N, C-alpha and C. Protein backbone atom coordinates (compact mmCIF):
# COMPACT_ATOMS: atom_id res chain seq x y z
N MET A 1 -45.79 135.58 -43.74
CA MET A 1 -45.34 134.66 -44.68
C MET A 1 -44.62 135.83 -45.61
N THR A 2 -43.31 136.29 -46.34
CA THR A 2 -43.13 137.44 -46.88
C THR A 2 -42.82 136.69 -48.41
N TYR A 3 -42.93 137.23 -48.95
CA TYR A 3 -42.78 136.93 -50.85
C TYR A 3 -41.24 136.02 -50.87
N ASP A 4 -40.55 136.57 -50.42
CA ASP A 4 -39.61 136.07 -50.41
C ASP A 4 -39.28 134.17 -49.68
N GLU A 5 -39.83 134.33 -48.54
CA GLU A 5 -39.86 132.97 -47.93
C GLU A 5 -41.06 132.02 -48.38
N LEU A 6 -41.75 132.55 -49.00
CA LEU A 6 -43.01 131.83 -50.19
C LEU A 6 -42.47 131.22 -51.44
N VAL A 7 -41.60 132.19 -51.79
CA VAL A 7 -40.57 131.56 -53.21
C VAL A 7 -39.87 130.59 -52.86
N LYS A 8 -39.05 130.78 -51.68
CA LYS A 8 -37.93 129.81 -51.44
C LYS A 8 -38.84 128.41 -51.12
N LYS A 9 -39.86 128.37 -50.24
CA LYS A 9 -40.81 127.24 -49.83
C LYS A 9 -41.13 126.52 -51.24
N LEU A 10 -41.42 127.52 -52.37
CA LEU A 10 -41.97 127.11 -53.30
C LEU A 10 -40.94 126.31 -54.17
N GLN A 11 -39.67 126.84 -54.31
CA GLN A 11 -38.65 126.18 -55.13
C GLN A 11 -38.17 124.91 -54.02
N LYS A 12 -38.43 124.82 -53.00
CA LYS A 12 -37.70 123.74 -52.45
C LYS A 12 -38.88 122.45 -52.87
N ASN A 13 -40.42 122.92 -52.25
CA ASN A 13 -41.31 122.16 -53.00
C ASN A 13 -41.10 121.89 -54.12
N TYR A 14 -41.01 122.62 -54.92
CA TYR A 14 -41.34 121.82 -56.52
C TYR A 14 -39.61 121.17 -57.03
N GLY A 15 -38.84 121.20 -56.20
CA GLY A 15 -37.97 121.16 -56.17
C GLY A 15 -37.84 119.24 -56.14
N ASN A 16 -38.71 119.15 -55.36
CA ASN A 16 -38.94 117.83 -54.88
C ASN A 16 -40.04 116.75 -55.64
N ILE A 17 -40.17 117.38 -56.79
CA ILE A 17 -41.18 116.72 -58.11
C ILE A 17 -40.19 116.47 -59.22
N ASP A 18 -40.49 115.51 -59.52
CA ASP A 18 -40.21 114.69 -60.57
C ASP A 18 -41.03 115.03 -61.59
N ALA A 19 -40.12 115.83 -63.00
CA ALA A 19 -40.84 116.41 -64.19
C ALA A 19 -40.29 115.68 -65.32
N SER A 20 -39.54 114.02 -64.97
CA SER A 20 -38.52 113.79 -66.52
C SER A 20 -39.63 113.32 -67.40
N ALA A 21 -41.09 113.15 -66.93
CA ALA A 21 -41.93 112.35 -67.85
C ALA A 21 -42.79 113.54 -68.70
N VAL A 22 -42.46 114.87 -68.49
CA VAL A 22 -42.87 115.91 -69.33
C VAL A 22 -42.41 115.98 -70.79
N LYS A 23 -42.61 116.00 -71.84
CA LYS A 23 -42.28 116.10 -72.86
C LYS A 23 -42.58 117.72 -73.28
N GLU A 24 -43.34 118.19 -72.80
CA GLU A 24 -43.93 119.45 -73.27
C GLU A 24 -43.42 120.67 -72.83
N HIS A 25 -43.56 122.03 -73.03
CA HIS A 25 -43.32 122.82 -72.31
C HIS A 25 -44.74 123.72 -71.86
N VAL A 26 -44.31 124.16 -70.49
CA VAL A 26 -45.60 125.15 -69.87
C VAL A 26 -44.82 126.07 -69.00
N ALA A 27 -45.59 126.83 -69.09
CA ALA A 27 -44.97 128.12 -68.04
C ALA A 27 -46.40 128.55 -67.58
N VAL A 28 -46.53 128.40 -66.11
CA VAL A 28 -47.50 128.89 -65.26
C VAL A 28 -47.30 130.35 -64.45
N GLN A 29 -47.62 131.53 -64.39
CA GLN A 29 -47.69 132.52 -63.66
C GLN A 29 -48.71 132.15 -62.57
N PHE A 30 -47.97 132.72 -61.42
CA PHE A 30 -49.15 132.66 -60.14
C PHE A 30 -48.77 133.75 -59.52
N ASN A 31 -50.05 134.70 -59.84
CA ASN A 31 -50.42 135.53 -58.90
C ASN A 31 -50.79 135.65 -57.53
N ILE A 32 -50.24 135.93 -56.45
CA ILE A 32 -50.24 135.38 -54.86
C ILE A 32 -50.98 136.75 -54.76
N GLU A 33 -51.98 136.75 -53.67
CA GLU A 33 -52.92 137.78 -53.37
C GLU A 33 -52.68 137.69 -51.20
N GLY A 34 -52.84 138.65 -50.88
CA GLY A 34 -52.67 138.84 -49.57
C GLY A 34 -51.29 138.56 -48.80
N GLU A 35 -51.07 137.74 -48.11
CA GLU A 35 -49.98 137.34 -47.23
C GLU A 35 -48.83 137.33 -48.34
N GLY A 36 -47.80 137.27 -48.65
CA GLY A 36 -46.67 137.06 -49.44
C GLY A 36 -47.35 137.38 -50.98
N GLU A 37 -47.61 138.44 -50.69
CA GLU A 37 -48.20 138.96 -52.10
C GLU A 37 -47.34 139.06 -53.54
N GLY A 38 -47.69 139.01 -54.65
CA GLY A 38 -46.50 138.98 -55.62
C GLY A 38 -46.73 138.08 -56.84
N ALA A 39 -46.03 138.18 -57.72
CA ALA A 39 -45.97 137.44 -58.86
C ALA A 39 -44.74 136.51 -58.95
N LEU A 40 -45.10 135.19 -59.20
CA LEU A 40 -43.88 134.23 -59.75
C LEU A 40 -44.24 133.48 -60.69
N TYR A 41 -43.37 132.50 -61.30
CA TYR A 41 -43.45 131.28 -62.49
C TYR A 41 -43.02 129.96 -61.74
N VAL A 42 -43.84 128.96 -62.50
CA VAL A 42 -43.77 127.66 -62.57
C VAL A 42 -43.27 127.46 -63.87
N GLU A 43 -42.17 126.58 -64.10
CA GLU A 43 -42.08 126.54 -65.85
C GLU A 43 -41.32 125.11 -65.60
N VAL A 44 -42.53 124.49 -66.57
CA VAL A 44 -42.02 122.95 -66.85
C VAL A 44 -41.26 122.89 -68.38
N ALA A 45 -39.83 122.69 -68.59
CA ALA A 45 -39.00 122.53 -69.73
C ALA A 45 -38.14 121.33 -70.05
N ASP A 46 -38.22 120.73 -70.64
CA ASP A 46 -37.03 119.53 -70.76
C ASP A 46 -36.61 118.53 -69.80
N GLY A 47 -38.53 118.12 -68.98
CA GLY A 47 -38.38 117.49 -68.16
C GLY A 47 -37.78 118.04 -66.72
N LYS A 48 -37.43 119.34 -66.59
CA LYS A 48 -37.20 120.02 -65.53
C LYS A 48 -37.87 121.02 -64.90
N LEU A 49 -38.11 120.95 -63.62
CA LEU A 49 -39.32 122.38 -63.13
C LEU A 49 -38.25 123.29 -62.87
N ASP A 50 -38.77 124.58 -62.99
CA ASP A 50 -38.11 125.84 -62.22
C ASP A 50 -39.08 126.96 -61.80
N VAL A 51 -38.85 127.63 -60.98
CA VAL A 51 -39.28 128.07 -59.90
C VAL A 51 -38.83 129.61 -59.74
N GLN A 52 -39.40 131.11 -60.53
CA GLN A 52 -38.51 131.81 -60.27
C GLN A 52 -39.32 133.46 -59.84
N PRO A 53 -38.85 134.33 -59.03
CA PRO A 53 -39.37 135.28 -58.63
C PRO A 53 -39.82 136.42 -59.51
N TYR A 54 -40.45 136.00 -60.66
CA TYR A 54 -40.48 136.90 -62.15
C TYR A 54 -41.71 136.71 -62.39
N GLU A 55 -42.41 137.62 -63.11
CA GLU A 55 -43.84 137.24 -64.19
C GLU A 55 -43.23 136.77 -65.04
N TYR A 56 -44.11 136.27 -65.98
CA TYR A 56 -43.48 135.14 -67.31
C TYR A 56 -44.58 135.63 -68.23
N TYR A 57 -44.24 136.57 -69.41
CA TYR A 57 -44.96 137.17 -70.22
C TYR A 57 -45.81 135.94 -71.13
N ASP A 58 -44.50 135.06 -71.58
CA ASP A 58 -44.85 134.35 -72.59
C ASP A 58 -45.71 132.96 -71.88
N HIS A 59 -46.92 132.97 -70.68
CA HIS A 59 -47.13 132.10 -70.00
C HIS A 59 -48.33 131.24 -70.74
N ASP A 60 -48.74 129.87 -70.53
CA ASP A 60 -49.87 129.38 -70.84
C ASP A 60 -51.03 129.25 -70.46
N ALA A 61 -50.68 129.84 -68.70
CA ALA A 61 -51.80 130.13 -68.00
C ALA A 61 -51.51 130.98 -66.76
N VAL A 62 -52.27 131.77 -66.09
CA VAL A 62 -51.96 132.75 -64.73
C VAL A 62 -52.98 131.90 -63.63
N LEU A 63 -52.24 131.59 -62.68
CA LEU A 63 -53.24 131.05 -61.52
C LEU A 63 -53.03 132.22 -60.27
N THR A 64 -54.25 132.69 -60.03
CA THR A 64 -54.43 133.73 -58.87
C THR A 64 -55.13 133.07 -57.69
N THR A 65 -54.38 133.17 -56.69
CA THR A 65 -54.80 132.44 -55.49
C THR A 65 -53.92 132.87 -54.28
N ASN A 66 -53.91 132.60 -53.19
CA ASN A 66 -53.39 133.03 -51.91
C ASN A 66 -52.13 131.76 -51.74
N ALA A 67 -51.21 132.44 -50.83
CA ALA A 67 -50.20 131.61 -50.37
C ALA A 67 -50.33 130.14 -49.87
N ASP A 68 -51.32 130.22 -48.95
CA ASP A 68 -51.54 129.31 -48.57
C ASP A 68 -51.76 127.71 -49.28
N VAL A 69 -52.68 128.03 -50.62
CA VAL A 69 -53.00 127.46 -51.68
C VAL A 69 -52.15 127.14 -52.21
N ALA A 70 -51.08 128.05 -52.41
CA ALA A 70 -50.04 127.94 -53.57
C ALA A 70 -49.09 126.33 -53.06
N LEU A 71 -48.99 126.96 -51.85
CA LEU A 71 -48.24 126.19 -50.97
C LEU A 71 -48.83 124.65 -51.21
N LYS A 72 -50.19 124.26 -51.24
CA LYS A 72 -50.49 123.09 -50.63
C LYS A 72 -50.40 122.57 -52.27
N LEU A 73 -50.57 123.56 -53.35
CA LEU A 73 -50.70 122.70 -54.54
C LEU A 73 -49.07 122.22 -55.05
N SER A 74 -47.90 122.94 -54.32
CA SER A 74 -46.89 122.53 -54.34
C SER A 74 -46.21 121.23 -53.43
N GLU A 75 -47.09 121.32 -52.65
CA GLU A 75 -46.88 120.09 -51.82
C GLU A 75 -47.59 118.75 -52.36
N ARG A 76 -48.36 118.99 -53.26
CA ARG A 76 -49.37 117.87 -53.97
C ARG A 76 -50.51 117.45 -52.73
N LYS A 77 -50.52 118.10 -51.84
CA LYS A 77 -51.65 118.28 -51.03
C LYS A 77 -53.23 118.89 -51.41
N VAL A 78 -53.30 119.39 -52.46
CA VAL A 78 -54.65 120.13 -52.99
C VAL A 78 -54.18 119.83 -54.56
N ASP A 79 -55.35 118.83 -55.28
CA ASP A 79 -55.15 119.16 -56.67
C ASP A 79 -55.78 120.62 -57.65
N LEU A 80 -55.32 120.64 -58.66
CA LEU A 80 -55.45 121.91 -58.76
C LEU A 80 -56.84 121.77 -59.87
N GLN A 81 -57.08 120.84 -59.93
CA GLN A 81 -58.73 120.64 -60.26
C GLN A 81 -59.74 121.41 -59.23
N GLU A 82 -59.27 120.14 -58.51
CA GLU A 82 -60.47 120.62 -57.20
C GLU A 82 -60.32 121.88 -56.73
N ALA A 83 -58.94 122.61 -56.78
CA ALA A 83 -58.61 123.78 -56.37
C ALA A 83 -59.50 124.99 -57.63
N TYR A 84 -59.78 124.66 -58.52
CA TYR A 84 -60.28 125.57 -59.38
C TYR A 84 -61.74 125.54 -59.47
N ASN A 85 -62.26 124.02 -58.91
CA ASN A 85 -63.90 123.71 -59.22
C ASN A 85 -64.63 124.60 -57.57
N ASN A 86 -63.27 124.65 -56.50
CA ASN A 86 -64.18 124.96 -55.28
C ASN A 86 -63.94 126.42 -55.22
N GLU A 87 -63.04 127.25 -56.47
CA GLU A 87 -62.57 128.91 -56.36
C GLU A 87 -61.53 129.43 -55.44
N SER A 88 -60.59 128.39 -55.17
CA SER A 88 -59.67 128.64 -54.71
C SER A 88 -58.53 129.25 -55.02
N VAL A 89 -58.95 128.78 -56.57
CA VAL A 89 -57.51 129.30 -57.57
C VAL A 89 -58.57 129.57 -58.67
N LYS A 90 -58.20 131.08 -59.46
CA LYS A 90 -59.04 131.80 -60.69
C LYS A 90 -57.98 131.21 -61.62
N VAL A 91 -58.39 130.55 -62.91
CA VAL A 91 -57.45 130.61 -64.02
C VAL A 91 -57.89 131.48 -65.16
N TRP A 92 -56.93 131.98 -65.77
CA TRP A 92 -56.86 132.68 -66.87
C TRP A 92 -56.10 131.93 -67.83
N GLY A 93 -56.21 131.18 -69.05
CA GLY A 93 -55.51 130.99 -69.87
C GLY A 93 -55.50 129.53 -70.32
N ASP A 94 -54.85 128.21 -70.56
CA ASP A 94 -55.24 126.69 -71.22
C ASP A 94 -54.96 126.22 -69.58
N LEU A 95 -56.21 126.12 -69.46
CA LEU A 95 -56.56 125.08 -68.10
C LEU A 95 -55.87 123.74 -68.61
N ASP A 96 -56.50 123.55 -69.43
CA ASP A 96 -56.64 121.77 -69.91
C ASP A 96 -55.16 121.69 -70.06
N LYS A 97 -54.40 122.63 -70.50
CA LYS A 97 -52.63 121.72 -70.52
C LYS A 97 -51.84 121.99 -69.31
N VAL A 98 -52.51 123.08 -68.66
CA VAL A 98 -51.93 123.15 -67.48
C VAL A 98 -52.14 121.86 -66.51
N LEU A 99 -53.31 121.18 -66.11
CA LEU A 99 -53.98 119.89 -65.65
C LEU A 99 -53.36 119.01 -66.48
N SER A 100 -53.26 118.79 -67.46
CA SER A 100 -52.34 117.77 -68.30
C SER A 100 -50.33 117.64 -67.66
N ILE A 101 -50.10 118.43 -67.87
CA ILE A 101 -49.15 119.02 -67.46
C ILE A 101 -48.73 118.83 -65.86
N PHE A 102 -49.52 118.77 -65.15
CA PHE A 102 -49.17 118.59 -63.87
C PHE A 102 -49.66 117.71 -63.38
N GLY A 103 -50.63 116.56 -64.33
CA GLY A 103 -51.13 115.48 -63.75
C GLY A 103 -49.78 114.35 -64.20
N GLN A 104 -48.87 114.82 -64.92
CA GLN A 104 -47.96 113.67 -65.18
C GLN A 104 -46.42 114.40 -64.15
N LEU A 105 -46.38 115.11 -63.19
CA LEU A 105 -45.77 115.51 -62.19
C LEU A 105 -45.78 114.18 -61.03
N ASP A 106 -44.78 113.88 -60.77
CA ASP A 106 -44.50 113.05 -59.49
C ASP A 106 -43.63 113.28 -58.54
N VAL A 107 -43.63 113.03 -57.29
CA VAL A 107 -43.04 113.27 -56.16
C VAL A 107 -41.69 112.37 -56.35
N LYS A 108 -40.87 113.07 -56.31
CA LYS A 108 -39.64 112.28 -55.94
C LYS A 108 -39.64 111.21 -55.01
N LYS A 109 -38.73 109.85 -55.24
CA LYS A 109 -38.91 109.05 -54.26
C LYS A 109 -37.54 109.17 -53.37
N ALA A 110 -37.26 108.96 -52.39
CA ALA A 110 -36.41 109.25 -51.71
C ALA A 110 -35.85 107.83 -51.23
N PRO A 111 -34.46 108.03 -51.84
CA PRO A 111 -33.33 106.25 -51.96
C PRO A 111 -33.95 105.59 -50.82
N ALA A 112 -34.19 104.34 -50.81
CA ALA A 112 -34.19 103.69 -49.31
C ALA A 112 -33.13 103.43 -48.29
N LYS A 113 -34.08 104.07 -47.26
CA LYS A 113 -32.66 104.05 -45.98
C LYS A 113 -32.42 102.63 -45.70
N LYS A 114 -30.68 102.53 -45.46
CA LYS A 114 -30.48 100.98 -44.78
C LYS A 114 -30.91 101.58 -43.42
N ALA A 115 -31.49 100.26 -42.65
CA ALA A 115 -31.38 100.04 -41.16
C ALA A 115 -29.74 100.10 -40.77
N PRO A 116 -29.78 100.58 -39.66
CA PRO A 116 -28.63 101.16 -39.02
C PRO A 116 -28.14 99.66 -38.55
N VAL A 117 -26.76 99.36 -38.79
CA VAL A 117 -25.59 98.37 -38.19
C VAL A 117 -25.73 98.19 -36.67
N LYS A 118 -25.86 97.73 -36.06
CA LYS A 118 -25.74 97.65 -34.72
C LYS A 118 -24.50 97.22 -34.33
N LYS A 119 -23.54 97.50 -33.29
CA LYS A 119 -22.52 97.21 -32.91
C LYS A 119 -22.30 96.24 -31.81
N ALA A 120 -21.69 95.43 -31.97
CA ALA A 120 -21.18 94.38 -30.77
C ALA A 120 -20.94 95.03 -29.64
N ALA A 121 -21.61 94.98 -28.34
CA ALA A 121 -21.32 95.77 -27.24
C ALA A 121 -19.78 95.30 -26.95
N THR A 122 -19.20 96.47 -26.46
CA THR A 122 -17.29 96.48 -26.16
C THR A 122 -17.34 96.86 -24.90
N LYS A 123 -16.44 96.36 -24.17
CA LYS A 123 -15.95 97.01 -22.88
C LYS A 123 -15.76 98.13 -23.02
N SER A 124 -16.15 98.67 -21.68
CA SER A 124 -15.81 100.39 -21.40
C SER A 124 -13.99 100.56 -21.59
N THR A 125 -13.43 101.32 -21.98
CA THR A 125 -12.00 101.82 -21.73
C THR A 125 -11.92 102.49 -20.64
N ALA A 126 -12.51 102.88 -19.33
CA ALA A 126 -12.27 102.94 -18.04
C ALA A 126 -11.87 101.77 -17.47
N SER A 127 -12.39 100.50 -18.06
CA SER A 127 -12.22 99.05 -17.10
C SER A 127 -10.65 98.16 -17.82
N LYS A 128 -10.39 99.21 -19.15
CA LYS A 128 -8.82 98.88 -19.46
C LYS A 128 -7.78 99.61 -19.08
N ALA A 129 -8.26 100.72 -18.44
CA ALA A 129 -7.27 101.65 -18.04
C ALA A 129 -6.72 101.33 -16.77
N GLU A 130 -7.55 100.64 -15.99
CA GLU A 130 -7.42 100.34 -14.57
C GLU A 130 -6.35 98.79 -14.62
N PRO A 131 -5.23 98.82 -13.48
CA PRO A 131 -4.31 97.90 -13.82
C PRO A 131 -5.05 96.61 -13.07
N LYS A 132 -4.71 95.45 -13.67
CA LYS A 132 -5.73 94.05 -13.46
C LYS A 132 -4.71 93.66 -11.82
N LYS A 133 -5.47 93.31 -10.81
CA LYS A 133 -5.15 92.63 -9.95
C LYS A 133 -5.04 91.27 -9.80
N THR A 134 -3.19 91.02 -9.06
CA THR A 134 -3.20 89.87 -9.13
C THR A 134 -3.70 89.38 -7.87
N THR A 135 -3.88 87.74 -7.64
CA THR A 135 -4.40 86.86 -6.89
C THR A 135 -3.04 85.83 -6.09
N ALA A 136 -2.01 86.05 -6.77
CA ALA A 136 -0.83 85.05 -6.49
C ALA A 136 -0.38 85.65 -4.94
N LYS A 137 0.11 84.48 -4.80
CA LYS A 137 0.23 85.07 -2.97
C LYS A 137 1.53 84.66 -3.17
N LYS A 138 2.32 85.96 -1.89
CA LYS A 138 3.91 85.63 -2.43
C LYS A 138 4.18 84.77 -0.59
N ALA A 139 5.06 84.14 -1.11
CA ALA A 139 6.11 83.08 -0.50
C ALA A 139 6.47 84.16 1.27
N PRO A 140 5.83 83.12 2.10
CA PRO A 140 5.93 83.90 3.66
C PRO A 140 7.93 84.25 3.69
N ALA A 141 7.94 85.23 4.09
CA ALA A 141 9.44 86.10 4.40
C ALA A 141 9.98 84.99 5.44
N LYS A 142 9.83 84.24 6.13
CA LYS A 142 10.42 83.46 7.11
C LYS A 142 11.25 82.38 6.22
N LYS A 143 10.43 81.99 5.44
CA LYS A 143 10.91 80.72 4.60
C LYS A 143 12.18 81.05 3.94
N ALA A 144 11.98 82.43 3.31
CA ALA A 144 13.21 82.44 2.23
C ALA A 144 14.04 82.96 3.15
N ALA A 145 14.45 83.39 4.75
CA ALA A 145 15.17 83.59 5.35
C ALA A 145 15.80 82.55 5.77
N SER A 146 15.15 81.68 6.00
CA SER A 146 15.33 80.05 6.73
C SER A 146 16.67 79.40 5.22
N LYS A 147 15.90 79.48 4.17
CA LYS A 147 16.92 79.15 2.94
C LYS A 147 18.34 79.79 3.20
N LYS A 148 18.44 80.74 3.12
CA LYS A 148 19.68 81.96 3.51
C LYS A 148 20.18 81.04 4.65
N ALA A 149 19.74 80.90 5.67
CA ALA A 149 20.34 80.32 6.83
C ALA A 149 20.94 79.28 6.56
N THR A 150 20.34 78.41 5.99
CA THR A 150 20.93 76.94 5.49
C THR A 150 21.74 76.72 4.81
N ALA A 151 22.02 77.50 3.69
CA ALA A 151 23.16 78.03 2.67
C ALA A 151 24.27 78.25 3.12
N LYS A 152 24.56 79.11 4.39
CA LYS A 152 25.63 79.61 5.06
C LYS A 152 26.05 78.14 5.55
N LYS A 153 25.38 77.67 6.04
CA LYS A 153 26.30 76.21 6.82
C LYS A 153 26.47 75.28 6.09
């Protein structure tokens, strides 16, 4: 995975997180090592999350990790405290503030999908195009001829 692909995935994942409950500001710089190497930041301000592919000099903390762990953090599959405890993330800065803010983030709930409405079965259009067959019997030609003959007499 390239650095640009990683940033796009993180932007998408963090875009699915609701930060409206967060009233504080926090800026966390991620230093990615290995595949997708580079620096980017996640900022929470005014109840919104922003991910940008730049260093953030006035950050509250710097998290150093690999792309896989950064993605799992953004997907909420890995807890930051656990990642710190098992040393898959190294933190420099105010870990308590970052843990507090990240603890207030919730995954946005998608609106409930309505069940599709089933339509009543309809007749095929092919049967409508065919002319209907009539079962009415035609009068025999002999009777019609005999009526003409009797009318002349």
